[in-house]
Amino acid sequence: MEKDILKKLKSSLGEIKIKQNEFKREKNKKSQNSIDSLITVLKNNLISNYNLLDYDLYIKSESHNTEFFIHDVESVILKIENKQLEE
C-alpha cells in the first residue's frame, strides 16, 4: 500500500474513532441509532476502499463490533508500516 493511501486510511480510521466517541457520549437513542448507522457505513467503506480483506480475512466478520474493528485496522496499519520499513 502506498504511503499516501496509508495516510488516507489512518485519516478515515480517525473519523470512525471520532464517531465512536460521539456514540458513547450520546444519550438520545435516536441519535445513537443515527451515529451507529453512519459508523457502519464508514466501516464498510473502509473495508472496500482500502481492500482490507487482502490484509485481514476476518476483518469483515469483526466489523459488527466497532472497538474490535478499530483494533484490527490499527493492526493492519502496523503490519503495512513494518513491511514498508523492511523494504
Protein backbone atom coordinates (compact mmCIF):
# COMPACT_ATOMS: atom_id res chain seq x y z
CA MET A 1 0.00 0.00 0.00
CA GLU A 2 1.40 3.39 -0.95
CA LYS A 3 2.21 5.92 1.74
CA ASP A 4 -0.43 8.44 0.63
CA ILE A 5 -3.12 5.75 0.66
CA LEU A 6 -1.94 4.61 4.10
CA LYS A 7 -2.25 8.22 5.29
CA LYS A 8 -5.83 8.36 3.99
CA LEU A 9 -6.59 5.05 5.72
CA LYS A 10 -5.36 6.48 9.03
CA SER A 11 -7.48 9.59 8.49
CA SER A 12 -10.57 7.52 7.70
CA LEU A 13 -9.99 5.39 10.78
CA GLY A 14 -9.74 8.61 12.78
CA GLU A 15 -13.22 9.58 11.56
CA ILE A 16 -14.59 6.27 12.82
CA LYS A 17 -12.92 6.81 16.21
CA ILE A 18 -14.50 10.27 16.47
CA LYS A 19 -17.94 8.91 15.63
CA GLN A 20 -17.47 6.07 18.12
CA ASN A 21 -16.71 8.62 20.85
CA GLU A 22 -19.80 10.62 19.85
CA PHE A 23 -21.85 7.43 20.02
CA LYS A 24 -20.61 6.69 23.54
CA ARG A 25 -21.41 10.21 24.77
CA GLU A 26 -24.85 10.42 23.17
CA LYS A 27 -27.79 9.81 25.50
CA ASN A 28 -30.60 10.12 22.96
CA LYS A 29 -31.46 6.68 21.49
CA LYS A 30 -32.45 8.15 18.10
CA SER A 31 -29.16 9.96 17.82
CA GLN A 32 -27.28 6.83 18.86
CA ASN A 33 -29.00 4.85 16.12
CA SER A 34 -28.15 7.52 13.57
CA ILE A 35 -24.49 7.61 14.61
CA ASP A 36 -24.33 3.82 14.66
CA SER A 37 -25.68 3.67 11.10
CA LEU A 38 -23.08 6.18 9.97
CA ILE A 39 -20.31 4.17 11.67
CA THR A 40 -21.49 1.02 9.87
CA VAL A 41 -21.32 2.80 6.52
CA LEU A 42 -17.87 4.20 7.31
CA LYS A 43 -16.56 0.76 8.31
CA ASN A 44 -17.91 -0.88 5.15
CA ASN A 45 -16.42 1.91 3.02
CA LEU A 46 -13.08 1.48 4.75
CA ILE A 47 -13.06 -2.26 4.08
CA SER A 48 -13.89 -1.86 0.40
CA ASN A 49 -11.96 1.34 -0.41
CA TYR A 50 -8.70 0.11 1.08
CA ASN A 51 -9.08 -3.60 0.26
CA LEU A 52 -8.64 -4.53 3.91
CA LEU A 53 -9.71 -8.11 3.23
CA ASP A 54 -6.37 -8.51 1.44
CA TYR A 55 -4.65 -7.87 4.78
CA ASP A 56 -7.08 -9.48 7.24
CA LEU A 57 -9.62 -12.04 6.02
CA TYR A 58 -11.65 -11.83 9.23
CA ILE A 59 -11.96 -8.05 9.42
CA LYS A 60 -15.43 -8.10 7.86
CA SER A 61 -16.75 -10.55 10.44
CA GLU A 62 -15.27 -8.42 13.25
CA SER A 63 -16.81 -5.22 11.88
CA HIS A 64 -20.02 -5.63 13.89
CA ASN A 65 -18.06 -4.55 16.99
CA THR A 66 -16.53 -1.14 16.37
CA GLU A 67 -13.89 -1.45 19.09
CA PHE A 68 -12.63 -4.75 17.63
CA PHE A 69 -12.77 -3.27 14.14
CA ILE A 70 -10.68 -0.26 15.14
CA HIS A 71 -8.12 -2.57 16.78
CA ASP A 72 -7.99 -4.79 13.69
CA VAL A 73 -7.46 -1.83 11.33
CA GLU A 74 -4.74 -0.46 13.60
CA SER A 75 -3.06 -3.88 13.43
CA VAL A 76 -3.26 -3.85 9.64
CA ILE A 77 -1.73 -0.36 9.57
CA LEU A 78 1.14 -1.51 11.80
CA LYS A 79 1.77 -4.55 9.58
CA ILE A 80 1.88 -2.34 6.49
CA GLU A 81 4.19 0.20 8.13
CA ASN A 82 6.55 -2.55 9.32
CA LYS A 83 6.59 -4.09 5.87
CA GLN A 84 7.42 -0.70 4.33
CA LEU A 85 10.28 -0.22 6.78
CA GLU A 86 11.74 -3.58 5.78
CA GLU A 87 11.75 -2.67 2.09
